[in-house]
C-alpha cells in the first residue's frame, strides 16, 4: 500500500499538494526525468509555494491512471 504522510494515497483529497519527495515512490522516474517531463509538458506544472514546488494529488492520480510515467520510463529504457 502506498502511503504519503502516513495516509494512503487513495485517501488523500484531490486538492492536497505534494512535493516530489512525497510521491516519488509512486512513479518509476527519478527527479531529473520528472522535471524533464514537466518542461516538455508531459507532466503537470507545479504549484509554486515560495521556493517550493508541489503538485495536486488529482494531477498525480490522473498521470498514474493514464500510465504516463511508466510509458515514459519504458520509452527511455528502450532508447538507452
PDB file of N, CA and C in Angstrom:
ATOM      1  N   UNK A   1       0.851  -1.179   0.000  1.00  0.00           N
ATOM      2  CA  UNK A   1       0.000   0.000   0.000  1.00  0.00           C
ATOM      3  C   UNK A   1       0.895   1.239   0.000  1.00  0.00           C
ATOM      4  N   UNK A   2       0.617   2.183  -0.859  1.00  0.00           N
ATOM      5  CA  UNK A   2       1.401   3.404  -0.942  1.00  0.00           C
ATOM      6  C   UNK A   2       0.855   4.450   0.003  1.00  0.00           C
ATOM      7  N   UNK A   3       1.740   4.941   0.854  1.00  0.00           N
ATOM      8  CA  UNK A   3       1.348   5.950   1.828  1.00  0.00           C
ATOM      9  C   UNK A   3       2.131   7.237   1.619  1.00  0.00           C
ATOM     10  N   UNK A   4       1.483   8.331   1.929  1.00  0.00           N
ATOM     11  CA  UNK A   4       2.085   9.656   1.899  1.00  0.00           C
ATOM     12  C   UNK A   4       1.718  10.317   3.213  1.00  0.00           C
ATOM     13  N   UNK A   5       2.716  10.733   3.953  1.00  0.00           N
ATOM     14  CA  UNK A   5       2.478  11.383   5.257  1.00  0.00           C
ATOM     15  C   UNK A   5       1.652  10.481   6.182  1.00  0.00           C
ATOM     16  N   UNK A   6       1.840   9.167   6.080  1.00  0.00           N
ATOM     17  CA  UNK A   6       1.127   8.233   6.941  1.00  0.00           C
ATOM     18  C   UNK A   6      -0.310   7.983   6.545  1.00  0.00           C
ATOM     19  N   UNK A   7      -0.709   8.477   5.367  1.00  0.00           N
ATOM     20  CA  UNK A   7      -2.082   8.307   4.878  1.00  0.00           C
ATOM     21  C   UNK A   7      -2.000   7.580   3.532  1.00  0.00           C
ATOM     22  N   UNK A   8      -2.944   6.666   3.295  1.00  0.00           N
ATOM     23  CA  UNK A   8      -2.970   6.009   1.989  1.00  0.00           C
ATOM     24  C   UNK A   8      -3.185   7.053   0.909  1.00  0.00           C
ATOM     25  N   UNK A   9      -2.422   6.929  -0.173  1.00  0.00           N
ATOM     26  CA  UNK A   9      -2.520   7.874  -1.282  1.00  0.00           C
ATOM     27  C   UNK A   9      -3.963   7.981  -1.768  1.00  0.00           C
ATOM     28  N   UNK A  10      -4.653   6.865  -1.829  1.00  0.00           N
ATOM     29  CA  UNK A  10      -6.042   6.861  -2.317  1.00  0.00           C
ATOM     30  C   UNK A  10      -6.991   7.627  -1.398  1.00  0.00           C
ATOM     31  N   UNK A  11      -6.593   7.850  -0.148  1.00  0.00           N
ATOM     32  CA  UNK A  11      -7.442   8.577   0.803  1.00  0.00           C
ATOM     33  C   UNK A  11      -7.171  10.083   0.834  1.00  0.00           C
ATOM     34  N   UNK A  12      -6.141  10.542   0.151  1.00  0.00           N
ATOM     35  CA  UNK A  12      -5.825  11.976   0.144  1.00  0.00           C
ATOM     36  C   UNK A  12      -6.862  12.737  -0.691  1.00  0.00           C
ATOM     37  N   UNK A  13      -7.232  13.940  -0.279  1.00  0.00           N
ATOM     38  CA  UNK A  13      -8.166  14.736  -1.085  1.00  0.00           C
ATOM     39  C   UNK A  13      -7.502  15.172  -2.396  1.00  0.00           C
ATOM     40  N   UNK A  14      -8.298  15.314  -3.431  1.00  0.00           N
ATOM     41  CA  UNK A  14      -7.779  15.705  -4.745  1.00  0.00           C
ATOM     42  C   UNK A  14      -7.001  17.014  -4.709  1.00  0.00           C
ATOM     43  N   UNK A  15      -7.394  17.929  -3.854  1.00  0.00           N
ATOM     44  CA  UNK A  15      -6.751  19.242  -3.814  1.00  0.00           C
ATOM     45  C   UNK A  15      -5.503  19.288  -2.928  1.00  0.00           C
ATOM     46  N   UNK A  16      -5.162  18.182  -2.283  1.00  0.00           N
ATOM     47  CA  UNK A  16      -3.947  18.155  -1.463  1.00  0.00           C
ATOM     48  C   UNK A  16      -2.735  18.419  -2.351  1.00  0.00           C
ATOM     49  N   UNK A  17      -1.729  19.048  -1.792  1.00  0.00           N
ATOM     50  CA  UNK A  17      -0.495  19.348  -2.514  1.00  0.00           C
ATOM     51  C   UNK A  17       0.631  18.486  -1.970  1.00  0.00           C
ATOM     52  N   UNK A  18       1.410  17.909  -2.891  1.00  0.00           N
ATOM     53  CA  UNK A  18       2.535  17.060  -2.509  1.00  0.00           C
ATOM     54  C   UNK A  18       3.805  17.532  -3.189  1.00  0.00           C
ATOM     55  N   UNK A  19       4.902  17.494  -2.453  1.00  0.00           N
ATOM     56  CA  UNK A  19       6.211  17.745  -3.051  1.00  0.00           C
ATOM     57  C   UNK A  19       6.660  16.467  -3.746  1.00  0.00           C
ATOM     58  N   UNK A  20       7.604  16.592  -4.667  1.00  0.00           N
ATOM     59  CA  UNK A  20       8.078  15.426  -5.408  1.00  0.00           C
ATOM     60  C   UNK A  20       8.541  14.322  -4.463  1.00  0.00           C
ATOM     61  N   UNK A  21       9.251  14.684  -3.426  1.00  0.00           N
ATOM     62  CA  UNK A  21       9.772  13.683  -2.489  1.00  0.00           C
ATOM     63  C   UNK A  21       8.666  12.885  -1.802  1.00  0.00           C
ATOM     64  N   UNK A  22       7.463  13.417  -1.796  1.00  0.00           N
ATOM     65  CA  UNK A  22       6.344  12.739  -1.150  1.00  0.00           C
ATOM     66  C   UNK A  22       5.622  11.761  -2.080  1.00  0.00           C
ATOM     67  N   UNK A  23       5.821  11.893  -3.383  1.00  0.00           N
ATOM     68  CA  UNK A  23       5.164  10.947  -4.293  1.00  0.00           C
ATOM     69  C   UNK A  23       6.134  10.213  -5.211  1.00  0.00           C
ATOM     70  N   UNK A  24       7.427  10.438  -5.047  1.00  0.00           N
ATOM     71  CA  UNK A  24       8.384   9.796  -5.955  1.00  0.00           C
ATOM     72  C   UNK A  24       8.359   8.275  -5.873  1.00  0.00           C
ATOM     73  N   UNK A  25       7.932   7.725  -4.730  1.00  0.00           N
ATOM     74  CA  UNK A  25       7.846   6.265  -4.618  1.00  0.00           C
ATOM     75  C   UNK A  25       6.689   5.703  -5.447  1.00  0.00           C
ATOM     76  N   UNK A  26       5.809   6.548  -5.948  1.00  0.00           N
ATOM     77  CA  UNK A  26       4.660   6.101  -6.740  1.00  0.00           C
ATOM     78  C   UNK A  26       4.959   6.051  -8.236  1.00  0.00           C
ATOM     79  N   UNK A  27       6.057   6.674  -8.667  1.00  0.00           N
ATOM     80  CA  UNK A  27       6.367   6.750 -10.091  1.00  0.00           C
ATOM     81  C   UNK A  27       7.730   6.123 -10.366  1.00  0.00           C
ATOM     82  N   UNK A  28       7.908   5.561 -11.570  1.00  0.00           N
ATOM     83  CA  UNK A  28       9.170   4.890 -11.893  1.00  0.00           C
ATOM     84  C   UNK A  28      10.217   5.819 -12.508  1.00  0.00           C
ATOM     85  N   UNK A  29      10.227   7.069 -12.105  1.00  0.00           N
ATOM     86  CA  UNK A  29      11.155   8.047 -12.660  1.00  0.00           C
ATOM     87  C   UNK A  29      11.895   8.763 -11.549  1.00  0.00           C
ATOM     88  N   UNK A  30      13.111   9.171 -11.850  1.00  0.00           N
ATOM     89  CA  UNK A  30      13.865   9.977 -10.910  1.00  0.00           C
ATOM     90  C   UNK A  30      13.495  11.446 -11.040  1.00  0.00           C
ATOM     91  N   UNK A  31      14.087  12.237 -10.169  1.00  0.00           N
ATOM     92  CA  UNK A  31      13.759  13.667 -10.121  1.00  0.00           C
ATOM     93  C   UNK A  31      14.092  14.389 -11.432  1.00  0.00           C
ATOM     94  N   UNK A  32      15.241  14.086 -12.017  1.00  0.00           N
ATOM     95  CA  UNK A  32      15.633  14.756 -13.277  1.00  0.00           C
ATOM     96  C   UNK A  32      14.678  14.414 -14.406  1.00  0.00           C
ATOM     97  N   UNK A  33      14.303  13.138 -14.503  1.00  0.00           N
ATOM     98  CA  UNK A  33      13.363  12.720 -15.552  1.00  0.00           C
ATOM     99  C   UNK A  33      12.000  13.365 -15.330  1.00  0.00           C
ATOM    100  N   UNK A  34      11.600  13.474 -14.061  1.00  0.00           N
ATOM    101  CA  UNK A  34      10.314  14.125 -13.755  1.00  0.00           C
ATOM    102  C   UNK A  34      10.336  15.577 -14.234  1.00  0.00           C
ATOM    103  N   UNK A  35      11.399  16.308 -13.861  1.00  0.00           N
ATOM    104  CA  UNK A  35      11.475  17.717 -14.245  1.00  0.00           C
ATOM    105  C   UNK A  35      11.582  17.881 -15.756  1.00  0.00           C
ATOM    106  N   UNK A  36      12.222  16.940 -16.441  1.00  0.00           N
ATOM    107  CA  UNK A  36      12.248  16.979 -17.911  1.00  0.00           C
ATOM    108  C   UNK A  36      10.837  16.848 -18.459  1.00  0.00           C
ATOM    109  N   UNK A  37      10.063  15.943 -17.881  1.00  0.00           N
ATOM    110  CA  UNK A  37       8.673  15.769 -18.294  1.00  0.00           C
ATOM    111  C   UNK A  37       7.836  17.000 -18.036  1.00  0.00           C
ATOM    112  N   UNK A  38       8.103  17.684 -16.935  1.00  0.00           N
ATOM    113  CA  UNK A  38       7.391  18.940 -16.641  1.00  0.00           C
ATOM    114  C   UNK A  38       7.755  19.983 -17.699  1.00  0.00           C
ATOM    115  N   UNK A  39       9.039  20.099 -18.021  1.00  0.00           N
ATOM    116  CA  UNK A  39       9.493  21.081 -19.010  1.00  0.00           C
ATOM    117  C   UNK A  39       8.922  20.795 -20.392  1.00  0.00           C
ATOM    118  N   UNK A  40       8.754  19.508 -20.728  1.00  0.00           N
ATOM    119  CA  UNK A  40       8.219  19.114 -22.038  1.00  0.00           C
ATOM    120  C   UNK A  40       6.694  19.222 -22.094  1.00  0.00           C
ATOM    121  N   UNK A  41       6.050  19.391 -20.933  1.00  0.00           N
ATOM    122  CA  UNK A  41       4.600  19.449 -20.891  1.00  0.00           C
ATOM    123  C   UNK A  41       3.941  18.085 -20.746  1.00  0.00           C
ATOM    124  N   UNK A  42       4.752  17.036 -20.578  1.00  0.00           N
ATOM    125  CA  UNK A  42       4.218  15.687 -20.379  1.00  0.00           C
ATOM    126  C   UNK A  42       3.588  15.552 -19.002  1.00  0.00           C
ATOM    127  N   UNK A  43       4.187  16.200 -18.024  1.00  0.00           N
ATOM    128  CA  UNK A  43       3.695  16.183 -16.658  1.00  0.00           C
ATOM    129  C   UNK A  43       3.205  17.580 -16.291  1.00  0.00           C
ATOM    130  N   UNK A  44       2.304  17.673 -15.323  1.00  0.00           N
ATOM    131  CA  UNK A  44       1.741  18.983 -14.974  1.00  0.00           C
ATOM    132  C   UNK A  44       2.766  19.918 -14.350  1.00  0.00           C
ATOM    133  N   UNK A  45       2.551  21.194 -14.569  1.00  0.00           N
ATOM    134  CA  UNK A  45       3.389  22.205 -13.928  1.00  0.00           C
ATOM    135  C   UNK A  45       3.075  22.217 -12.434  1.00  0.00           C
ATOM    136  N   UNK A  46       4.064  22.502 -11.634  1.00  0.00           N
ATOM    137  CA  UNK A  46       3.814  22.534 -10.192  1.00  0.00           C
ATOM    138  C   UNK A  46       3.110  23.815  -9.758  1.00  0.00           C
ATOM    139  N   UNK A  47       2.566  23.754  -8.574  1.00  0.00           N
ATOM    140  CA  UNK A  47       2.065  24.936  -7.886  1.00  0.00           C
ATOM    141  C   UNK A  47       3.260  25.454  -7.087  1.00  0.00           C
ATOM    142  N   UNK A  48       3.596  26.704  -7.259  1.00  0.00           N
ATOM    143  CA  UNK A  48       4.741  27.259  -6.545  1.00  0.00           C
ATOM    144  C   UNK A  48       4.289  27.801  -5.186  1.00  0.00           C
ATOM    145  N   UNK A  49       4.974  27.365  -4.153  1.00  0.00           N
ATOM    146  CA  UNK A  49       4.734  27.825  -2.788  1.00  0.00           C
ATOM    147  C   UNK A  49       6.032  28.460  -2.303  1.00  0.00           C
ATOM    148  N   UNK A  50       6.228  29.713  -2.657  1.00  0.00           N
ATOM    149  CA  UNK A  50       7.513  30.345  -2.388  1.00  0.00           C
ATOM    150  C   UNK A  50       8.563  29.677  -3.260  1.00  0.00           C
ATOM    151  N   UNK A  51       9.585  29.107  -2.642  1.00  0.00           N
ATOM    152  CA  UNK A  51      10.637  28.411  -3.387  1.00  0.00           C
ATOM    153  C   UNK A  51      10.331  26.929  -3.548  1.00  0.00           C
ATOM    154  N   UNK A  52       9.237  26.473  -2.992  1.00  0.00           N
ATOM    155  CA  UNK A  52       8.873  25.056  -3.027  1.00  0.00           C
ATOM    156  C   UNK A  52       7.901  24.778  -4.167  1.00  0.00           C
ATOM    157  N   UNK A  53       8.090  23.641  -4.811  1.00  0.00           N
ATOM    158  CA  UNK A  53       7.168  23.203  -5.859  1.00  0.00           C
ATOM    159  C   UNK A  53       6.343  22.044  -5.331  1.00  0.00           C
ATOM    160  N   UNK A  54       5.061  22.040  -5.651  1.00  0.00           N
ATOM    161  CA  UNK A  54       4.168  20.962  -5.218  1.00  0.00           C
ATOM    162  C   UNK A  54       3.166  20.683  -6.334  1.00  0.00           C
ATOM    163  N   UNK A  55       2.602  19.479  -6.304  1.00  0.00           N
ATOM    164  CA  UNK A  55       1.633  19.074  -7.320  1.00  0.00           C
ATOM    165  C   UNK A  55       0.350  18.645  -6.652  1.00  0.00           C
ATOM    166  N   UNK A  56      -0.757  18.888  -7.319  1.00  0.00           N
ATOM    167  CA  UNK A  56      -2.061  18.469  -6.800  1.00  0.00           C
ATOM    168  C   UNK A  56      -2.186  16.949  -6.902  1.00  0.00           C
ATOM    169  N   UNK A  57      -2.759  16.363  -5.882  1.00  0.00           N
ATOM    170  CA  UNK A  57      -2.971  14.919  -5.866  1.00  0.00           C
ATOM    171  C   UNK A  57      -3.769  14.491  -7.085  1.00  0.00           C
ATOM    172  N   UNK A  58      -4.763  15.265  -7.475  1.00  0.00           N
ATOM    173  CA  UNK A  58      -5.590  14.870  -8.630  1.00  0.00           C
ATOM    174  C   UNK A  58      -4.747  14.763  -9.898  1.00  0.00           C
ATOM    175  N   UNK A  59      -3.734  15.629 -10.060  1.00  0.00           N
ATOM    176  CA  UNK A  59      -2.875  15.565 -11.240  1.00  0.00           C
ATOM    177  C   UNK A  59      -1.994  14.314 -11.212  1.00  0.00           C
ATOM    178  N   UNK A  60      -1.494  13.964 -10.042  1.00  0.00           N
ATOM    179  CA  UNK A  60      -0.679  12.753  -9.913  1.00  0.00           C
ATOM    180  C   UNK A  60      -1.544  11.519 -10.163  1.00  0.00           C
ATOM    181  N   UNK A  61      -2.750  11.514  -9.621  1.00  0.00           N
ATOM    182  CA  UNK A  61      -3.672  10.389  -9.857  1.00  0.00           C
ATOM    183  C   UNK A  61      -3.961  10.216 -11.345  1.00  0.00           C
ATOM    184  N   UNK A  62      -4.207  11.322 -12.024  1.00  0.00           N
ATOM    185  CA  UNK A  62      -4.502  11.258 -13.461  1.00  0.00           C
ATOM    186  C   UNK A  62      -3.335  10.633 -14.219  1.00  0.00           C
ATOM    187  N   UNK A  63      -2.126  11.069 -13.915  1.00  0.00           N
ATOM    188  CA  UNK A  63      -0.948  10.511 -14.579  1.00  0.00           C
ATOM    189  C   UNK A  63      -0.814   9.011 -14.308  1.00  0.00           C
ATOM    190  N   UNK A  64      -1.010   8.618 -13.065  1.00  0.00           N
ATOM    191  CA  UNK A  64      -0.899   7.206 -12.720  1.00  0.00           C
ATOM    192  C   UNK A  64      -1.977   6.380 -13.414  1.00  0.00           C
ATOM    193  N   UNK A  65      -3.191   6.908 -13.489  1.00  0.00           N
ATOM    194  CA  UNK A  65      -4.278   6.191 -14.161  1.00  0.00           C
ATOM    195  C   UNK A  65      -4.026   6.047 -15.654  1.00  0.00           C
ATOM    196  N   UNK A  66      -3.405   7.052 -16.247  1.00  0.00           N
ATOM    197  CA  UNK A  66      -3.080   7.010 -17.671  1.00  0.00           C
ATOM    198  C   UNK A  66      -1.859   6.139 -17.948  1.00  0.00           C
ATOM    199  N   UNK A  67      -1.060   5.877 -16.910  1.00  0.00           N
ATOM    200  CA  UNK A  67       0.173   5.115 -17.096  1.00  0.00           C
ATOM    201  C   UNK A  67       1.297   5.938 -17.691  1.00  0.00           C
ATOM    202  N   UNK A  68       1.146   7.257 -17.727  1.00  0.00           N
ATOM    203  CA  UNK A  68       2.119   8.130 -18.382  1.00  0.00           C
ATOM    204  C   UNK A  68       3.539   7.983 -17.831  1.00  0.00           C
ATOM    205  N   UNK A  69       3.763   8.008 -16.512  1.00  0.00           N
ATOM    206  CA  UNK A  69       5.138   7.879 -16.033  1.00  0.00           C
ATOM    207  C   UNK A  69       5.770   6.545 -16.440  1.00  0.00           C
ATOM    208  N   UNK A  70       5.005   5.465 -16.388  1.00  0.00           N
ATOM    209  CA  UNK A  70       5.541   4.155 -16.760  1.00  0.00           C
ATOM    210  C   UNK A  70       5.861   4.109 -18.247  1.00  0.00           C
ATOM    211  N   UNK A  71       4.994   4.667 -19.081  1.00  0.00           N
ATOM    212  CA  UNK A  71       5.235   4.697 -20.524  1.00  0.00           C
ATOM    213  C   UNK A  71       6.509   5.465 -20.837  1.00  0.00           C
ATOM    214  N   UNK A  72       6.709   6.598 -20.166  1.00  0.00           N
ATOM    215  CA  UNK A  72       7.900   7.397 -20.394  1.00  0.00           C
ATOM    216  C   UNK A  72       9.149   6.658 -19.920  1.00  0.00           C
ATOM    217  N   UNK A  73       9.064   6.001 -18.765  1.00  0.00           N
ATOM    218  CA  UNK A  73      10.218   5.248 -18.266  1.00  0.00           C
ATOM    219  C   UNK A  73      10.570   4.125 -19.235  1.00  0.00           C
ATOM    220  N   UNK A  74       9.561   3.414 -19.754  1.00  0.00           N
ATOM    221  CA  UNK A  74       9.814   2.341 -20.723  1.00  0.00           C
ATOM    222  C   UNK A  74      10.451   2.890 -21.997  1.00  0.00           C
ATOM    223  N   UNK A  75       9.962   4.013 -22.469  1.00  0.00           N
ATOM    224  CA  UNK A  75      10.490   4.635 -23.680  1.00  0.00           C
ATOM    225  C   UNK A  75      11.951   5.017 -23.485  1.00  0.00           C
ATOM    226  N   UNK A  76      12.277   5.585 -22.334  1.00  0.00           N
ATOM    227  CA  UNK A  76      13.665   5.987 -22.054  1.00  0.00           C
ATOM    228  C   UNK A  76      14.583   4.770 -21.966  1.00  0.00           C
ATOM    229  N   UNK A  77      14.082   3.656 -21.403  1.00  0.00           N
ATOM    230  CA  UNK A  77      14.884   2.428 -21.311  1.00  0.00           C
ATOM    231  C   UNK A  77      15.172   1.874 -22.699  1.00  0.00           C
ATOM    232  N   UNK A  78      14.175   1.891 -23.572  1.00  0.00           N
ATOM    233  CA  UNK A  78      14.365   1.365 -24.935  1.00  0.00           C
ATOM    234  C   UNK A  78      15.356   2.226 -25.718  1.00  0.00           C
ATOM    235  N   UNK A  79      15.362   3.523 -25.452  1.00  0.00           N
ATOM    236  CA  UNK A  79      16.256   4.435 -26.175  1.00  0.00           C
ATOM    237  C   UNK A  79      17.702   4.298 -25.715  1.00  0.00           C
ATOM    238  N   UNK A  80      17.911   3.744 -24.538  1.00  0.00           N
ATOM    239  CA  UNK A  80      19.288   3.616 -23.999  1.00  0.00           C
ATOM    240  C   UNK A  80      20.060   2.514 -24.667  1.00  0.00           C
TER     241      UNK A  80
END
